[in-house]
Amino acid sequence: MISFLLLLSAVYPVAGTHELRSLTVPNFWSSRPRLIAAFGNPKFFTDKYIPSDKPGVVLKFPNFDALFDEIVKVSPMAKQALTEDNPGGIKAINAADDVYRWKVTDSNPKRLVSHIDKIDNFQNKGVPIVRFRSSLRGPTKRRAECFSELISVQHLRQKWDVTCAIVDTIYDAASLDEVKKLQKEKYGEPTLFGIGYVKTKQSVVSPREQLTLCGCQNFPNGASVVWGMEMEEDQNYLFPKNQLKRMPRSTSHIWAVTFIPTGEETFDVEYVLQLEIGGFPGWLTGPVLVETIKKNISVCG
């Protein structure tokens, strides 16, 4: 569910921002896979469950405190979303406030992706964490939800992801009220909560798959955070019943996309991802990720 940057629609040019017909996403599954022994981090889950929209299936509830504690440490805009009444987006970011030491790899406010930085071997996971920022024009409502649909609806995803064989939201929360009851008020209004499955096509490499819990939180200040986490191995029973053969998996250690409005039709985006690609050298992950995203944006912007 996380092999992408962003896909958003926009119709008007605006000074200081960039018009997007479609901002597409790279394919992170072009390398030789390996089986990964562990996936989701147990600290991101609680021992609580909520009903799904399928009879007899319950969904393990995330630890929002642990999840967002990690997210706000790497995403200044996510911290704005959670803590500020009037978040200022990219212009309000002070690099001196970063918890970790980031290496800037590209920074130019005139470019579609105005800022890229990274931390190599973040938290000793063997792969970098990469952060992207962009100022965009697009829909005034449901930006984050539209973003999610372009990932989770198969015919929409296949327009930009040629390797996608299957993408499906296999389980939703039966009621978002159940999510709201278990999360704290400071995490906003949950508008999406479910389990997604992705499988890639056979090509020069074997197919791969992911099983992720994803959600969207909207905040009173107009900001939104879309987040996702790998499911733990004890949740493997949630794999689709018609997909019995397990494939090599990639895993996301941290993934969050924050949207902050900067005007009636403009907004800033901060996208943070630490992705482990099975069989792909960690020191190559960052450059491949960055160049693929920049190429896709330049083609479709």
C-alpha atoms as a PDB file:
ATOM      1  CA  MET A   1       0.000   0.000   0.000  1.00  0.00           C
ATOM      2  CA  ILE A   2       2.910   2.334   0.274  1.00  0.00           C
ATOM      3  CA  SER A   3       4.768   2.149  -3.012  1.00  0.00           C
ATOM      4  CA  PHE A   4       3.827   5.677  -3.960  1.00  0.00           C
ATOM      5  CA  LEU A   5       4.342   9.367  -3.301  1.00  0.00           C
ATOM      6  CA  LEU A   6       1.075  11.034  -4.189  1.00  0.00           C
ATOM      7  CA  LEU A   7      -1.527  11.383  -6.900  1.00  0.00           C
ATOM      8  CA  LEU A   8      -3.642  14.544  -6.794  1.00  0.00           C
ATOM      9  CA  SER A   9      -5.651  16.576  -9.254  1.00  0.00           C
ATOM     10  CA  ALA A  10      -5.291  20.299  -9.820  1.00  0.00           C
ATOM     11  CA  VAL A  11      -6.722  22.678 -12.357  1.00  0.00           C
ATOM     12  CA  TYR A  12      -5.306  26.161 -11.895  1.00  0.00           C
ATOM     13  CA  PRO A  13      -1.770  27.564 -11.822  1.00  0.00           C
ATOM     14  CA  VAL A  14      -0.908  29.639  -8.782  1.00  0.00           C
ATOM     15  CA  ALA A  15       2.114  31.713  -7.871  1.00  0.00           C
ATOM     16  CA  GLY A  16       4.474  29.883  -5.547  1.00  0.00           C
ATOM     17  CA  THR A  17       2.837  26.508  -6.065  1.00  0.00           C
ATOM     18  CA  HIS A  18       2.715  23.962  -8.848  1.00  0.00           C
ATOM     19  CA  GLU A  19      -0.136  22.768 -11.002  1.00  0.00           C
ATOM     20  CA  LEU A  20      -0.605  19.011 -11.041  1.00  0.00           C
ATOM     21  CA  ARG A  21      -2.609  17.069 -13.552  1.00  0.00           C
ATOM     22  CA  SER A  22      -1.353  13.941 -11.907  1.00  0.00           C
ATOM     23  CA  LEU A  23       1.546  13.456  -9.586  1.00  0.00           C
ATOM     24  CA  THR A  24       2.350   9.828  -9.860  1.00  0.00           C
ATOM     25  CA  VAL A  25       4.317   7.429  -7.894  1.00  0.00           C
ATOM     26  CA  PRO A  26       7.266   5.183  -8.368  1.00  0.00           C
ATOM     27  CA  ASN A  27       7.374   1.431  -8.383  1.00  0.00           C
ATOM     28  CA  PHE A  28       9.517   0.272  -5.513  1.00  0.00           C
ATOM     29  CA  TRP A  29       9.335  -3.423  -6.429  1.00  0.00           C
ATOM     30  CA  SER A  30      11.807  -3.590  -9.296  1.00  0.00           C
ATOM     31  CA  SER A  31      14.545  -5.327  -7.349  1.00  0.00           C
ATOM     32  CA  ARG A  32      15.178  -8.919  -6.511  1.00  0.00           C
ATOM     33  CA  PRO A  33      13.104  -9.811  -3.441  1.00  0.00           C
ATOM     34  CA  ARG A  34      14.040 -11.654  -0.319  1.00  0.00           C
ATOM     35  CA  LEU A  35      11.805 -13.014   2.383  1.00  0.00           C
ATOM     36  CA  ILE A  36      11.659 -10.717   5.383  1.00  0.00           C
ATOM     37  CA  ALA A  37      11.298 -12.506   8.695  1.00  0.00           C
ATOM     38  CA  ALA A  38       9.566  -9.742  10.624  1.00  0.00           C
ATOM     39  CA  PHE A  39       7.138  -7.078   9.489  1.00  0.00           C
ATOM     40  CA  GLY A  40       5.074  -4.828  11.731  1.00  0.00           C
ATOM     41  CA  ASN A  41       6.638  -3.420  14.893  1.00  0.00           C
ATOM     42  CA  PRO A  42       4.766  -4.765  17.955  1.00  0.00           C
ATOM     43  CA  LYS A  43       5.031  -1.391  19.716  1.00  0.00           C
ATOM     44  CA  PHE A  44       2.655   0.083  17.152  1.00  0.00           C
ATOM     45  CA  PHE A  45      -0.177  -2.249  18.183  1.00  0.00           C
ATOM     46  CA  THR A  46      -2.308  -2.699  21.280  1.00  0.00           C
ATOM     47  CA  ASP A  47      -4.043  -5.821  22.571  1.00  0.00           C
ATOM     48  CA  LYS A  48      -7.421  -4.326  21.654  1.00  0.00           C
ATOM     49  CA  TYR A  49      -9.580  -5.229  18.656  1.00  0.00           C
ATOM     50  CA  ILE A  50     -12.495  -3.645  16.837  1.00  0.00           C
ATOM     51  CA  PRO A  51     -15.096  -5.299  14.586  1.00  0.00           C
ATOM     52  CA  SER A  52     -14.465  -5.234  10.849  1.00  0.00           C
ATOM     53  CA  ASP A  53     -17.082  -4.965   8.138  1.00  0.00           C
ATOM     54  CA  LYS A  54     -16.816  -8.741   7.594  1.00  0.00           C
ATOM     55  CA  PRO A  55     -18.682 -11.087   9.969  1.00  0.00           C
ATOM     56  CA  GLY A  56     -16.423 -12.786  12.492  1.00  0.00           C
ATOM     57  CA  VAL A  57     -13.293 -10.761  11.628  1.00  0.00           C
ATOM     58  CA  VAL A  58     -11.790  -8.316  14.089  1.00  0.00           C
ATOM     59  CA  LEU A  59      -8.981  -5.814  13.486  1.00  0.00           C
ATOM     60  CA  LYS A  60      -6.054  -5.291  15.829  1.00  0.00           C
ATOM     61  CA  PHE A  61      -6.064  -1.706  17.050  1.00  0.00           C
ATOM     62  CA  PRO A  62      -2.942   0.447  16.696  1.00  0.00           C
ATOM     63  CA  ASN A  63      -1.151   2.212  19.494  1.00  0.00           C
ATOM     64  CA  PHE A  64      -1.739   5.784  18.325  1.00  0.00           C
ATOM     65  CA  ASP A  65       0.580   7.199  20.991  1.00  0.00           C
ATOM     66  CA  ALA A  66       3.527   5.083  19.789  1.00  0.00           C
ATOM     67  CA  LEU A  67       2.702   5.607  16.115  1.00  0.00           C
ATOM     68  CA  PHE A  68       2.328   9.369  16.209  1.00  0.00           C
ATOM     69  CA  ASP A  69       5.243   9.786  18.580  1.00  0.00           C
ATOM     70  CA  GLU A  70       7.426   8.353  15.810  1.00  0.00           C
ATOM     71  CA  ILE A  71       5.665  10.306  13.056  1.00  0.00           C
ATOM     72  CA  VAL A  72       5.966  13.747  14.665  1.00  0.00           C
ATOM     73  CA  LYS A  73       9.690  13.179  15.313  1.00  0.00           C
ATOM     74  CA  VAL A  74      10.315  12.867  11.564  1.00  0.00           C
ATOM     75  CA  SER A  75       7.533  15.061  10.181  1.00  0.00           C
ATOM     76  CA  PRO A  76       7.383  18.709  11.316  1.00  0.00           C
ATOM     77  CA  MET A  77       4.142  19.174   9.413  1.00  0.00           C
ATOM     78  CA  ALA A  78       2.548  16.232  11.207  1.00  0.00           C
ATOM     79  CA  LYS A  79       3.546  17.890  14.467  1.00  0.00           C
ATOM     80  CA  GLN A  80       1.888  21.103  13.259  1.00  0.00           C
ATOM     81  CA  ALA A  81      -1.254  19.132  12.420  1.00  0.00           C
ATOM     82  CA  LEU A  82      -1.462  17.676  15.918  1.00  0.00           C
ATOM     83  CA  THR A  83      -0.407  20.639  18.021  1.00  0.00           C
ATOM     84  CA  GLU A  84      -1.156  23.953  16.298  1.00  0.00           C
ATOM     85  CA  ASP A  85      -4.428  25.832  15.837  1.00  0.00           C
ATOM     86  CA  ASN A  86      -3.146  27.520  12.667  1.00  0.00           C
ATOM     87  CA  PRO A  87      -0.425  25.353  11.119  1.00  0.00           C
ATOM     88  CA  GLY A  88       1.767  27.204   8.663  1.00  0.00           C
ATOM     89  CA  GLY A  89       2.933  24.326   6.492  1.00  0.00           C
ATOM     90  CA  ILE A  90       6.336  24.349   4.813  1.00  0.00           C
ATOM     91  CA  LYS A  91       7.069  28.036   5.469  1.00  0.00           C
ATOM     92  CA  ALA A  92       6.650  27.509   9.208  1.00  0.00           C
ATOM     93  CA  ILE A  93       9.201  24.682   9.423  1.00  0.00           C
ATOM     94  CA  ASN A  94      12.380  25.449  11.353  1.00  0.00           C
ATOM     95  CA  ALA A  95      15.100  22.923  10.532  1.00  0.00           C
ATOM     96  CA  ALA A  96      16.721  23.615  13.892  1.00  0.00           C
ATOM     97  CA  ASP A  97      13.726  21.944  15.563  1.00  0.00           C
ATOM     98  CA  ASP A  98      14.373  18.561  13.936  1.00  0.00           C
ATOM     99  CA  VAL A  99      14.824  15.757  16.435  1.00  0.00           C
ATOM    100  CA  TYR A 100      17.264  13.930  14.161  1.00  0.00           C
ATOM    101  CA  ARG A 101      20.068  15.139  11.909  1.00  0.00           C
ATOM    102  CA  TRP A 102      18.869  15.095   8.312  1.00  0.00           C
ATOM    103  CA  LYS A 103      20.967  15.398   5.173  1.00  0.00           C
ATOM    104  CA  VAL A 104      19.456  17.714   2.567  1.00  0.00           C
ATOM    105  CA  THR A 105      19.768  16.170  -0.893  1.00  0.00           C
ATOM    106  CA  ASP A 106      17.752  18.736  -2.851  1.00  0.00           C
ATOM    107  CA  SER A 107      16.136  22.057  -1.984  1.00  0.00           C
ATOM    108  CA  ASN A 108      14.659  24.526  -4.459  1.00  0.00           C
ATOM    109  CA  PRO A 109      11.337  26.302  -3.825  1.00  0.00           C
ATOM    110  CA  LYS A 110      10.776  26.680  -7.578  1.00  0.00           C
ATOM    111  CA  ARG A 111      10.616  22.927  -8.111  1.00  0.00           C
ATOM    112  CA  LEU A 112       7.562  20.734  -7.814  1.00  0.00           C
ATOM    113  CA  VAL A 113       9.228  18.769  -5.043  1.00  0.00           C
ATOM    114  CA  SER A 114      10.800  21.696  -3.244  1.00  0.00           C
ATOM    115  CA  HIS A 115      12.735  19.819  -0.598  1.00  0.00           C
ATOM    116  CA  ILE A 116      14.162  16.335  -0.152  1.00  0.00           C
ATOM    117  CA  ASP A 117      16.222  15.097   2.762  1.00  0.00           C
ATOM    118  CA  LYS A 118      17.120  11.760   4.297  1.00  0.00           C
ATOM    119  CA  ILE A 119      18.764   9.863   7.138  1.00  0.00           C
ATOM    120  CA  ASP A 120      20.780   6.833   6.118  1.00  0.00           C
ATOM    121  CA  ASN A 121      20.332   3.568   8.032  1.00  0.00           C
ATOM    122  CA  PHE A 122      17.655   5.194  10.151  1.00  0.00           C
ATOM    123  CA  GLN A 123      17.248   3.447  13.517  1.00  0.00           C
ATOM    124  CA  ASN A 124      19.657   0.761  12.288  1.00  0.00           C
ATOM    125  CA  LYS A 125      17.081  -0.700   9.930  1.00  0.00           C
ATOM    126  CA  GLY A 126      19.606  -0.858   7.082  1.00  0.00           C
ATOM    127  CA  VAL A 127      17.617   1.513   4.857  1.00  0.00           C
ATOM    128  CA  PRO A 128      17.215   5.294   4.780  1.00  0.00           C
ATOM    129  CA  ILE A 129      14.217   7.349   5.743  1.00  0.00           C
ATOM    130  CA  VAL A 130      13.387   9.913   3.054  1.00  0.00           C
ATOM    131  CA  ARG A 131      11.284  13.073   3.356  1.00  0.00           C
ATOM    132  CA  PHE A 132       9.675  15.081   0.544  1.00  0.00           C
ATOM    133  CA  ARG A 133       7.863  18.423   0.590  1.00  0.00           C
ATOM    134  CA  SER A 134       5.757  20.088  -2.076  1.00  0.00           C
ATOM    135  CA  SER A 135       3.309  22.991  -2.416  1.00  0.00           C
ATOM    136  CA  LEU A 136       0.291  22.064  -4.504  1.00  0.00           C
ATOM    137  CA  ARG A 137      -3.105  23.179  -5.719  1.00  0.00           C
ATOM    138  CA  GLY A 138      -5.987  20.777  -5.637  1.00  0.00           C
ATOM    139  CA  PRO A 139      -9.383  19.858  -4.197  1.00  0.00           C
ATOM    140  CA  THR A 140     -10.507  21.912  -1.225  1.00  0.00           C
ATOM    141  CA  LYS A 141     -12.246  19.013   0.497  1.00  0.00           C
ATOM    142  CA  ARG A 142     -11.352  15.382   1.185  1.00  0.00           C
ATOM    143  CA  ARG A 143      -7.816  15.771  -0.147  1.00  0.00           C
ATOM    144  CA  ALA A 144      -6.496  12.938   1.986  1.00  0.00           C
ATOM    145  CA  GLU A 145      -9.439  10.656   1.220  1.00  0.00           C
ATOM    146  CA  CYS A 146      -9.058  11.233  -2.525  1.00  0.00           C
ATOM    147  CA  PHE A 147      -5.380  10.448  -2.157  1.00  0.00           C
ATOM    148  CA  SER A 148      -6.254   7.156  -0.498  1.00  0.00           C
ATOM    149  CA  GLU A 149      -8.695   6.164  -3.239  1.00  0.00           C
ATOM    150  CA  LEU A 150      -6.021   6.569  -5.883  1.00  0.00           C
ATOM    151  CA  ILE A 151      -4.004   3.943  -4.038  1.00  0.00           C
ATOM    152  CA  SER A 152      -6.665   1.501  -2.925  1.00  0.00           C
ATOM    153  CA  VAL A 153      -9.026   1.419  -5.942  1.00  0.00           C
ATOM    154  CA  GLN A 154      -7.549  -0.999  -8.444  1.00  0.00           C
ATOM    155  CA  HIS A 155      -8.497   0.646 -11.747  1.00  0.00           C
ATOM    156  CA  LEU A 156      -7.230   4.002 -10.469  1.00  0.00           C
ATOM    157  CA  ARG A 157      -3.995   2.569  -9.197  1.00  0.00           C
ATOM    158  CA  GLN A 158      -3.297   0.661 -12.392  1.00  0.00           C
ATOM    159  CA  LYS A 159      -3.305   3.954 -14.285  1.00  0.00           C
ATOM    160  CA  TRP A 160      -0.014   4.822 -12.627  1.00  0.00           C
ATOM    161  CA  ASP A 161       1.353   1.552 -11.250  1.00  0.00           C
ATOM    162  CA  VAL A 162       1.963  -0.815 -14.180  1.00  0.00           C
ATOM    163  CA  THR A 163       3.191  -3.565 -11.853  1.00  0.00           C
ATOM    164  CA  CYS A 164      -0.027  -3.670  -9.850  1.00  0.00           C
ATOM    165  CA  ALA A 165      -1.839  -6.995 -10.193  1.00  0.00           C
ATOM    166  CA  ILE A 166      -4.152  -6.668  -7.202  1.00  0.00           C
ATOM    167  CA  VAL A 167      -4.924  -3.859  -4.807  1.00  0.00           C
ATOM    168  CA  ASP A 168      -7.877  -4.122  -2.498  1.00  0.00           C
ATOM    169  CA  THR A 169      -9.174  -2.799   0.786  1.00  0.00           C
ATOM    170  CA  ILE A 170     -10.007  -6.216   2.175  1.00  0.00           C
ATOM    171  CA  TYR A 171     -11.349  -5.064   5.547  1.00  0.00           C
ATOM    172  CA  ASP A 172     -12.745  -1.789   6.825  1.00  0.00           C
ATOM    173  CA  ALA A 173     -13.694  -0.916  10.362  1.00  0.00           C
ATOM    174  CA  ALA A 174     -17.351  -1.764  10.847  1.00  0.00           C
ATOM    175  CA  SER A 175     -17.798   1.666  12.398  1.00  0.00           C
ATOM    176  CA  LEU A 176     -15.415   4.598  12.644  1.00  0.00           C
ATOM    177  CA  ASP A 177     -17.089   5.368  15.951  1.00  0.00           C
ATOM    178  CA  GLU A 178     -15.292   2.310  17.337  1.00  0.00           C
ATOM    179  CA  VAL A 179     -11.989   3.797  16.194  1.00  0.00           C
ATOM    180  CA  LYS A 180     -12.826   7.122  17.774  1.00  0.00           C
ATOM    181  CA  LYS A 181     -13.691   5.477  21.091  1.00  0.00           C
ATOM    182  CA  LEU A 182     -10.251   3.873  21.389  1.00  0.00           C
ATOM    183  CA  GLN A 183      -8.092   6.730  20.100  1.00  0.00           C
ATOM    184  CA  LYS A 184      -7.515   9.955  21.986  1.00  0.00           C
ATOM    185  CA  GLU A 185      -9.278  13.158  20.983  1.00  0.00           C
ATOM    186  CA  LYS A 186      -5.980  14.811  20.060  1.00  0.00           C
ATOM    187  CA  TYR A 187      -5.653  12.452  17.075  1.00  0.00           C
ATOM    188  CA  GLY A 188      -8.535  14.126  15.310  1.00  0.00           C
ATOM    189  CA  GLU A 189     -11.444  12.630  13.421  1.00  0.00           C
ATOM    190  CA  PRO A 190     -10.820   9.206  11.844  1.00  0.00           C
ATOM    191  CA  THR A 191     -12.234   9.116   8.329  1.00  0.00           C
ATOM    192  CA  LEU A 192     -10.590   5.929   7.048  1.00  0.00           C
ATOM    193  CA  PHE A 193      -9.452   2.767   8.826  1.00  0.00           C
ATOM    194  CA  GLY A 194      -8.828  -0.573   7.168  1.00  0.00           C
ATOM    195  CA  ILE A 195      -6.575  -3.351   5.952  1.00  0.00           C
ATOM    196  CA  GLY A 196      -5.171  -3.208   2.433  1.00  0.00           C
ATOM    197  CA  TYR A 197      -3.622  -5.933   0.303  1.00  0.00           C
ATOM    198  CA  VAL A 198      -1.324  -5.378  -2.688  1.00  0.00           C
ATOM    199  CA  LYS A 199       0.211  -7.931  -5.032  1.00  0.00           C
ATOM    200  CA  THR A 200       2.487  -7.134  -7.954  1.00  0.00           C
ATOM    201  CA  LYS A 201       2.644  -8.835 -11.329  1.00  0.00           C
ATOM    202  CA  GLN A 202       5.163 -11.464 -12.392  1.00  0.00           C
ATOM    203  CA  SER A 203       7.923  -9.773 -14.376  1.00  0.00           C
ATOM    204  CA  VAL A 204      11.683 -10.160 -14.292  1.00  0.00           C
ATOM    205  CA  VAL A 205      11.200 -10.643 -10.565  1.00  0.00           C
ATOM    206  CA  SER A 206       8.662 -12.725  -8.704  1.00  0.00           C
ATOM    207  CA  PRO A 207       5.461 -11.126  -7.397  1.00  0.00           C
ATOM    208  CA  ARG A 208       5.491  -9.398  -4.037  1.00  0.00           C
ATOM    209  CA  GLU A 209       2.797  -8.544  -1.559  1.00  0.00           C
ATOM    210  CA  GLN A 210       1.991  -6.281   1.333  1.00  0.00           C
ATOM    211  CA  LEU A 211      -0.608  -6.344   4.084  1.00  0.00           C
ATOM    212  CA  THR A 212      -1.002  -2.986   5.779  1.00  0.00           C
ATOM    213  CA  LEU A 213      -3.236  -1.210   8.232  1.00  0.00           C
ATOM    214  CA  CYS A 214      -3.923   2.317   6.986  1.00  0.00           C
ATOM    215  CA  GLY A 215      -5.937   5.233   8.234  1.00  0.00           C
ATOM    216  CA  CYS A 216      -6.668   8.916   7.848  1.00  0.00           C
ATOM    217  CA  GLN A 217      -7.020  11.492  10.602  1.00  0.00           C
ATOM    218  CA  ASN A 218      -8.577  14.913   9.951  1.00  0.00           C
ATOM    219  CA  PHE A 219      -7.971  17.723  12.405  1.00  0.00           C
ATOM    220  CA  PRO A 220     -10.032  20.806  13.345  1.00  0.00           C
ATOM    221  CA  ASN A 221      -7.280  23.075  11.969  1.00  0.00           C
ATOM    222  CA  GLY A 222      -7.873  21.699   8.460  1.00  0.00           C
ATOM    223  CA  ALA A 223      -4.820  19.426   8.393  1.00  0.00           C
ATOM    224  CA  SER A 224      -4.908  15.712   7.638  1.00  0.00           C
ATOM    225  CA  VAL A 225      -2.483  12.850   8.198  1.00  0.00           C
ATOM    226  CA  VAL A 226      -2.640   9.612   6.223  1.00  0.00           C
ATOM    227  CA  TRP A 227      -0.664   6.843   7.897  1.00  0.00           C
ATOM    228  CA  GLY A 228       0.114   3.183   7.396  1.00  0.00           C
ATOM    229  CA  MET A 229       1.869   0.308   9.150  1.00  0.00           C
ATOM    230  CA  GLU A 230       2.771  -3.255   8.286  1.00  0.00           C
ATOM    231  CA  MET A 231       0.673  -5.923   9.917  1.00  0.00           C
ATOM    232  CA  GLU A 232       2.405  -8.263  12.345  1.00  0.00           C
ATOM    233  CA  GLU A 233       2.880 -11.903  11.452  1.00  0.00           C
ATOM    234  CA  ASP A 234       0.149 -12.942  13.896  1.00  0.00           C
ATOM    235  CA  GLN A 235      -2.251 -11.122  11.564  1.00  0.00           C
ATOM    236  CA  ASN A 236      -1.409 -13.267   8.521  1.00  0.00           C
ATOM    237  CA  TYR A 237      -4.856 -14.852   8.746  1.00  0.00           C
ATOM    238  CA  LEU A 238      -6.154 -11.595   7.274  1.00  0.00           C
ATOM    239  CA  PHE A 239      -4.555 -12.298   3.891  1.00  0.00           C
ATOM    240  CA  PRO A 240      -7.204 -12.764   1.162  1.00  0.00           C
ATOM    241  CA  LYS A 241      -8.539 -16.288   1.133  1.00  0.00           C
ATOM    242  CA  ASN A 242      -8.031 -16.504  -2.635  1.00  0.00           C
ATOM    243  CA  GLN A 243      -4.324 -15.674  -2.268  1.00  0.00           C
ATOM    244  CA  LEU A 244      -3.014 -18.747  -0.484  1.00  0.00           C
ATOM    245  CA  LYS A 245       0.579 -18.686  -1.720  1.00  0.00           C
ATOM    246  CA  ARG A 246       2.702 -16.261   0.259  1.00  0.00           C
ATOM    247  CA  MET A 247       4.995 -13.974  -1.686  1.00  0.00           C
ATOM    248  CA  PRO A 248       8.134 -12.098  -0.608  1.00  0.00           C
ATOM    249  CA  ARG A 249       7.163  -8.956   1.270  1.00  0.00           C
ATOM    250  CA  SER A 250       8.519  -5.474   1.470  1.00  0.00           C
ATOM    251  CA  THR A 251       7.910  -3.523   4.632  1.00  0.00           C
ATOM    252  CA  SER A 252       7.433   0.095   5.627  1.00  0.00           C
ATOM    253  CA  HIS A 253       8.972   1.032   8.960  1.00  0.00           C
ATOM    254  CA  ILE A 254       7.546   4.579   8.957  1.00  0.00           C
ATOM    255  CA  TRP A 255       5.030   6.007   6.529  1.00  0.00           C
ATOM    256  CA  ALA A 256       2.965   9.175   6.808  1.00  0.00           C
ATOM    257  CA  VAL A 257       1.684  11.885   4.491  1.00  0.00           C
ATOM    258  CA  THR A 258       0.555  15.194   5.974  1.00  0.00           C
ATOM    259  CA  PHE A 259      -1.650  17.748   4.203  1.00  0.00           C
ATOM    260  CA  ILE A 260      -1.835  21.333   5.506  1.00  0.00           C
ATOM    261  CA  PRO A 261      -4.012  23.952   3.763  1.00  0.00           C
ATOM    262  CA  THR A 262      -2.264  27.185   2.839  1.00  0.00           C
ATOM    263  CA  GLY A 263      -5.195  28.816   1.023  1.00  0.00           C
ATOM    264  CA  GLU A 264      -8.661  28.019  -0.278  1.00  0.00           C
ATOM    265  CA  GLU A 265      -7.300  25.799  -3.041  1.00  0.00           C
ATOM    266  CA  THR A 266      -3.654  25.384  -2.070  1.00  0.00           C
ATOM    267  CA  PHE A 267      -1.932  23.126   0.401  1.00  0.00           C
ATOM    268  CA  ASP A 268       1.460  21.806   1.436  1.00  0.00           C
ATOM    269  CA  VAL A 269       2.350  18.132   1.557  1.00  0.00           C
ATOM    270  CA  GLU A 270       5.030  16.379   3.564  1.00  0.00           C
ATOM    271  CA  TYR A 271       5.647  12.740   2.703  1.00  0.00           C
ATOM    272  CA  VAL A 272       7.855  10.588   4.937  1.00  0.00           C
ATOM    273  CA  LEU A 273       8.806   7.017   4.158  1.00  0.00           C
ATOM    274  CA  GLN A 274      11.236   4.394   5.366  1.00  0.00           C
ATOM    275  CA  LEU A 275      10.812   1.398   3.105  1.00  0.00           C
ATOM    276  CA  GLU A 276      12.718  -1.862   3.182  1.00  0.00           C
ATOM    277  CA  ILE A 277      12.752  -3.491  -0.239  1.00  0.00           C
ATOM    278  CA  GLY A 278      13.474  -7.177  -0.027  1.00  0.00           C
ATOM    279  CA  GLY A 279      16.767  -8.062  -1.699  1.00  0.00           C
ATOM    280  CA  PHE A 280      17.650  -4.471  -2.558  1.00  0.00           C
ATOM    281  CA  PRO A 281      20.827  -2.989  -1.042  1.00  0.00           C
ATOM    282  CA  GLY A 282      19.957  -0.481   1.639  1.00  0.00           C
ATOM    283  CA  TRP A 283      22.524   2.058   0.459  1.00  0.00           C
ATOM    284  CA  LEU A 284      20.832   2.113  -2.961  1.00  0.00           C
ATOM    285  CA  THR A 285      17.290   2.437  -1.656  1.00  0.00           C
ATOM    286  CA  GLY A 286      17.446   6.196  -1.053  1.00  0.00           C
ATOM    287  CA  PRO A 287      18.847   7.251  -4.444  1.00  0.00           C
ATOM    288  CA  VAL A 288      16.504   4.922  -6.329  1.00  0.00           C
ATOM    289  CA  LEU A 289      13.518   6.156  -4.343  1.00  0.00           C
ATOM    290  CA  VAL A 290      14.365   9.824  -4.839  1.00  0.00           C
ATOM    291  CA  GLU A 291      15.176   9.605  -8.538  1.00  0.00           C
ATOM    292  CA  THR A 292      12.099   7.513  -9.307  1.00  0.00           C
ATOM    293  CA  ILE A 293       9.806   9.960  -7.541  1.00  0.00           C
ATOM    294  CA  LYS A 294      11.418  12.974  -9.215  1.00  0.00           C
ATOM    295  CA  LYS A 295      11.148  11.313 -12.627  1.00  0.00           C
ATOM    296  CA  ASN A 296       7.479  10.474 -12.178  1.00  0.00           C
ATOM    297  CA  ILE A 297       6.670  13.982 -10.955  1.00  0.00           C
ATOM    298  CA  SER A 298       8.504  15.619 -13.854  1.00  0.00           C
ATOM    299  CA  VAL A 299       6.650  13.449 -16.377  1.00  0.00           C
ATOM    300  CA  CYS A 300       3.199  13.950 -14.886  1.00  0.00           C
ATOM    301  CA  GLY A 301       3.419  17.378 -13.308  1.00  0.00           C
END
